[in-house]
Protein backbone atom coordinates (compact mmCIF):
# COMPACT_ATOMS: atom_id res chain seq x y z
CA UNK A 1 6.84 -44.04 -65.98
CA UNK A 2 5.41 -42.95 -62.59
CA UNK A 3 7.42 -40.35 -60.73
CA UNK A 4 7.82 -42.57 -57.67
CA UNK A 5 9.33 -45.35 -59.78
CA UNK A 6 11.80 -42.93 -61.35
CA UNK A 7 12.65 -41.54 -57.93
CA UNK A 8 13.21 -44.97 -56.42
CA UNK A 9 15.58 -45.90 -59.22
CA UNK A 10 17.94 -43.23 -57.92
CA UNK A 11 18.77 -45.37 -54.93
CA UNK A 12 18.96 -44.51 -51.20
CA UNK A 13 20.83 -41.25 -51.80
CA UNK A 14 17.65 -39.83 -53.34
CA UNK A 15 15.84 -40.07 -50.01
CA UNK A 16 18.63 -38.20 -48.26
CA UNK A 17 18.46 -35.50 -50.92
CA UNK A 18 14.68 -35.37 -50.56
CA UNK A 19 15.06 -34.76 -46.82
CA UNK A 20 17.60 -32.01 -47.50
CA UNK A 21 15.30 -30.37 -50.04
CA UNK A 22 12.44 -30.31 -47.53
CA UNK A 23 14.79 -28.79 -44.95
CA UNK A 24 15.98 -26.15 -47.41
CA UNK A 25 12.43 -25.13 -48.33
CA UNK A 26 11.48 -24.94 -44.65
CA UNK A 27 14.47 -22.72 -43.83
CA UNK A 28 13.84 -20.41 -46.79
CA UNK A 29 10.16 -19.99 -45.90
CA UNK A 30 11.04 -19.43 -42.24
CA UNK A 31 13.62 -16.76 -43.04
CA UNK A 32 11.41 -14.95 -45.55
CA UNK A 33 8.61 -14.80 -42.98
CA UNK A 34 11.05 -13.64 -40.30
CA UNK A 35 12.54 -10.90 -42.47
CA UNK A 36 9.07 -9.79 -43.51
CA UNK A 37 7.82 -9.61 -39.91
CA UNK A 38 10.86 -7.55 -38.91
CA UNK A 39 10.21 -5.10 -41.77
CA UNK A 40 13.86 -4.97 -42.74
CA UNK A 41 13.21 -2.78 -45.78
CA UNK A 42 10.26 -0.69 -44.63
CA UNK A 43 11.74 -0.27 -41.16
CA UNK A 44 14.65 1.77 -42.52
CA UNK A 45 12.38 4.72 -43.32
CA UNK A 46 10.98 4.63 -39.77
CA UNK A 47 14.46 4.49 -38.31
CA UNK A 48 15.58 7.38 -40.50
CA UNK A 49 12.57 9.37 -39.35
CA UNK A 50 13.49 8.69 -35.72
CA UNK A 51 17.11 9.50 -36.44
CA UNK A 52 16.12 12.84 -37.89
CA UNK A 53 14.06 13.63 -34.78
CA UNK A 54 16.95 12.69 -32.50
CA UNK A 55 19.48 14.79 -34.37
CA UNK A 56 17.11 17.75 -34.25
CA UNK A 57 16.77 17.42 -30.47
CA UNK A 58 13.44 15.60 -30.10
CA UNK A 59 14.86 12.49 -28.44
CA UNK A 60 11.60 11.49 -26.74
CA UNK A 61 9.68 11.28 -30.01
CA UNK A 62 12.63 9.48 -31.60
CA UNK A 63 12.63 6.81 -28.88
CA UNK A 64 8.87 6.31 -29.25
CA UNK A 65 9.24 5.83 -32.99
CA UNK A 66 12.09 3.37 -32.55
CA UNK A 67 10.25 1.30 -29.94
CA UNK A 68 7.28 0.96 -32.28
CA UNK A 69 9.47 -0.44 -35.07
CA UNK A 70 10.28 -4.21 -34.98
CA UNK A 71 13.37 -3.85 -37.17
CA UNK A 72 16.72 -4.95 -35.69
CA UNK A 73 18.09 -1.68 -37.05
CA UNK A 74 15.69 0.14 -34.73
CA UNK A 75 17.00 -1.87 -31.75
CA UNK A 76 20.58 -0.83 -32.44
CA UNK A 77 19.74 2.83 -33.02
CA UNK A 78 17.58 2.78 -29.91
CA UNK A 79 20.51 1.41 -27.90
CA UNK A 80 22.88 4.02 -29.33
CA UNK A 81 20.43 6.82 -28.56
CA UNK A 82 19.82 5.57 -25.02
CA UNK A 83 23.55 5.33 -24.38
CA UNK A 84 24.12 8.78 -25.86
CA UNK A 85 21.45 10.40 -23.69
CA UNK A 86 22.78 8.83 -20.47
CA UNK A 87 25.54 11.09 -19.16
CA UNK A 88 26.87 8.28 -16.96
CA UNK A 89 27.64 6.09 -19.96
CA UNK A 90 31.17 6.57 -21.29
CA UNK A 91 32.14 6.32 -24.93
CA UNK A 92 33.72 2.92 -24.29
CA UNK A 93 30.61 1.65 -22.51
CA UNK A 94 28.39 2.93 -25.31
CA UNK A 95 30.53 1.13 -27.88
CA UNK A 96 30.40 -2.11 -25.86
CA UNK A 97 26.62 -1.90 -25.49
CA UNK A 98 26.15 -1.31 -29.20
CA UNK A 99 28.39 -4.28 -29.93
CA UNK A 100 26.31 -6.46 -27.65
CA UNK A 101 22.95 -5.39 -29.08
CA UNK A 102 24.16 -5.46 -32.68
CA UNK A 103 25.68 -8.92 -32.33
CA UNK A 104 22.50 -10.31 -30.78
CA UNK A 105 20.32 -8.87 -33.54
CA UNK A 106 22.60 -10.09 -36.31
CA UNK A 107 22.77 -13.57 -34.83
CA UNK A 108 18.99 -13.66 -34.87
CA UNK A 109 18.99 -12.69 -38.55
CA UNK A 110 21.73 -15.21 -39.38
CA UNK A 111 20.04 -18.12 -37.61
CA UNK A 112 19.65 -21.19 -39.86
CA UNK A 113 21.60 -19.59 -42.70
CA UNK A 114 24.58 -21.82 -41.99
CA UNK A 115 22.31 -24.85 -42.23
CA UNK A 116 21.00 -23.63 -45.60
CA UNK A 117 24.58 -23.13 -46.80
CA UNK A 118 25.47 -26.65 -45.66
CA UNK A 119 22.55 -28.10 -47.62
CA UNK A 120 23.61 -26.19 -50.71
CA UNK A 121 27.17 -27.53 -50.45
CA UNK A 122 26.31 -31.10 -49.43
CA UNK A 123 23.64 -31.76 -52.06
CA UNK A 124 26.01 -31.89 -55.09
CA UNK A 125 28.41 -34.08 -53.12
CA UNK A 126 25.61 -36.49 -52.29
CA UNK A 127 24.61 -36.43 -55.95
CA UNK A 128 28.19 -37.29 -56.85
CA UNK A 129 28.13 -40.10 -54.30
CA UNK A 130 25.01 -41.48 -55.96
CA UNK A 131 26.71 -41.18 -59.34
CA UNK A 132 29.74 -43.14 -58.18
CA UNK A 133 27.52 -45.71 -56.47
CA UNK A 134 25.45 -46.17 -59.63
CA UNK A 135 28.53 -46.56 -61.82
CA UNK A 136 30.06 -49.05 -59.41
CA UNK A 137 26.86 -51.09 -59.58
CA UNK A 138 26.86 -50.90 -63.37
CA UNK A 139 30.47 -52.13 -63.66
CA UNK A 140 29.82 -54.89 -61.16
CA UNK A 141 27.06 -56.17 -63.42
CA UNK A 142 29.40 -55.98 -66.40
CA UNK A 143 31.89 -58.10 -64.47
CA UNK A 144 29.21 -60.59 -63.48
CA UNK A 145 28.18 -60.96 -67.14
CA UNK A 146 31.76 -61.68 -68.16
CA UNK A 147 32.15 -58.49 -70.11
CA UNK A 148 29.08 -59.05 -72.30
CA UNK A 149 27.26 -55.74 -71.90
CA UNK A 150 23.48 -55.80 -71.76
CA UNK A 151 21.86 -52.35 -71.80
CA UNK A 152 18.83 -53.60 -69.88
CA UNK A 153 21.04 -54.92 -67.09
CA UNK A 154 23.11 -51.75 -66.93
CA UNK A 155 20.13 -49.40 -66.94
CA UNK A 156 19.62 -49.59 -63.16
CA UNK A 157 23.10 -48.33 -62.38
CA UNK A 158 22.95 -45.67 -65.06
CA UNK A 159 19.57 -44.44 -63.78
CA UNK A 160 20.98 -44.13 -60.27
CA UNK A 161 24.03 -42.25 -61.52
CA UNK A 162 22.07 -39.75 -63.59
CA UNK A 163 19.14 -39.20 -61.23
CA UNK A 164 21.22 -38.52 -58.13
CA UNK A 165 23.39 -36.02 -59.99
CA UNK A 166 20.38 -34.18 -61.39
CA UNK A 167 18.50 -34.19 -58.09
CA UNK A 168 21.56 -33.07 -56.13
CA UNK A 169 21.99 -30.06 -58.42
CA UNK A 170 18.26 -29.34 -58.33
CA UNK A 171 18.45 -29.07 -54.54
CA UNK A 172 21.76 -27.21 -54.41
CA UNK A 173 21.18 -24.44 -56.97
CA UNK A 174 18.03 -22.87 -55.42
CA UNK A 175 19.40 -23.39 -51.90
CA UNK A 176 22.64 -21.58 -52.77
CA UNK A 177 20.78 -18.77 -54.54
CA UNK A 178 18.49 -18.30 -51.54
CA UNK A 179 21.45 -18.37 -49.15
CA UNK A 180 23.26 -15.60 -51.02
CA UNK A 181 20.10 -13.52 -51.26
CA UNK A 182 19.39 -13.83 -47.53
CA UNK A 183 23.03 -13.26 -46.61
CA UNK A 184 23.18 -10.10 -48.70
CA UNK A 185 20.13 -8.79 -46.85
CA UNK A 186 21.86 -9.42 -43.52
CA UNK A 187 24.99 -7.65 -44.78
CA UNK A 188 22.88 -4.66 -45.82
CA UNK A 189 21.31 -4.50 -42.36
CA UNK A 190 24.76 -4.78 -40.76
CA UNK A 191 26.03 -1.81 -42.79
CA UNK A 192 22.90 0.20 -41.94
CA UNK A 193 23.38 -0.52 -38.23
CA UNK A 194 26.93 0.77 -38.32
CA UNK A 195 26.01 3.86 -40.29
CA UNK A 196 23.00 4.93 -38.21
CA UNK A 197 24.54 4.19 -34.82
CA UNK A 198 27.70 6.10 -35.80
CA UNK A 199 25.61 9.15 -36.66
CA UNK A 200 23.96 9.11 -33.25
CA UNK A 201 27.20 8.61 -31.32
CA UNK A 202 28.99 11.33 -33.24
CA UNK A 203 26.14 13.77 -32.79
CA UNK A 204 26.13 13.31 -29.02
CA UNK A 205 29.91 13.16 -28.73
CA UNK A 206 30.11 9.62 -27.42
CA UNK A 207 33.12 8.61 -29.52
CA UNK A 208 36.45 10.20 -30.36
CA UNK A 209 35.85 11.09 -33.98
CA UNK A 210 38.62 10.90 -36.54
CA UNK A 211 38.67 12.87 -39.78
CA UNK A 212 36.61 10.32 -41.70
CA UNK A 213 34.05 10.03 -38.93
CA UNK A 214 33.71 13.81 -38.68
CA UNK A 215 33.07 13.94 -42.40
CA UNK A 216 30.36 11.30 -42.06
CA UNK A 217 28.83 13.23 -39.19
CA UNK A 218 28.72 16.38 -41.31
CA UNK A 219 26.98 14.49 -44.08
CA UNK A 220 24.49 13.13 -41.55
CA UNK A 221 23.71 16.60 -40.26
CA UNK A 222 23.15 17.86 -43.80
CA UNK A 223 20.91 14.90 -44.60
CA UNK A 224 18.73 15.48 -41.57
CA UNK A 225 18.84 19.25 -41.55
CA UNK A 226 20.78 19.65 -38.30
């Protein structure tokens, strides 16, 4: 049986699911290309190199390295270093600036992820809707036949019920897996932003460090030989 015929037997819900699947693929490709262009993984080594230069006193070289890196992590560390080097910027102002830059960068990374999550959650529900619709159609035909069941007559409703369920899950499972993978990458970048910016601010004395923060600063100095 041709694929189009099988697809059409799923009813109108199948076309909605098809549109959602196209949207999910487009979002996944878009985000993978975006993350790749921003060098989220490879950029960490460049940022760490710049961070080491900054903590050893070569702030100019550190800024040049950060500006050459497209990673959002580099933007946050660059902002923290710029705020730390400016004597007019208070600790509170530095914290506010980092919050602004970090939020903007994370929003850029998180763009379209909510749409992908919505597709992953809506697809099974639409599949269930198609299942219910197909079963309703099947029982209506049973009623019209006066209770005398004919498998050939019922096949249309059963096809719709089974196809929409299967297609809904086929769309939802990869979409959900991709969403969690992309979201975990954003969470990793968020943690890296906090860690690296904290090291810079502590080194230049732009925040009131508590015991835990001082311990982290000591670890940072050991890691970078300062």
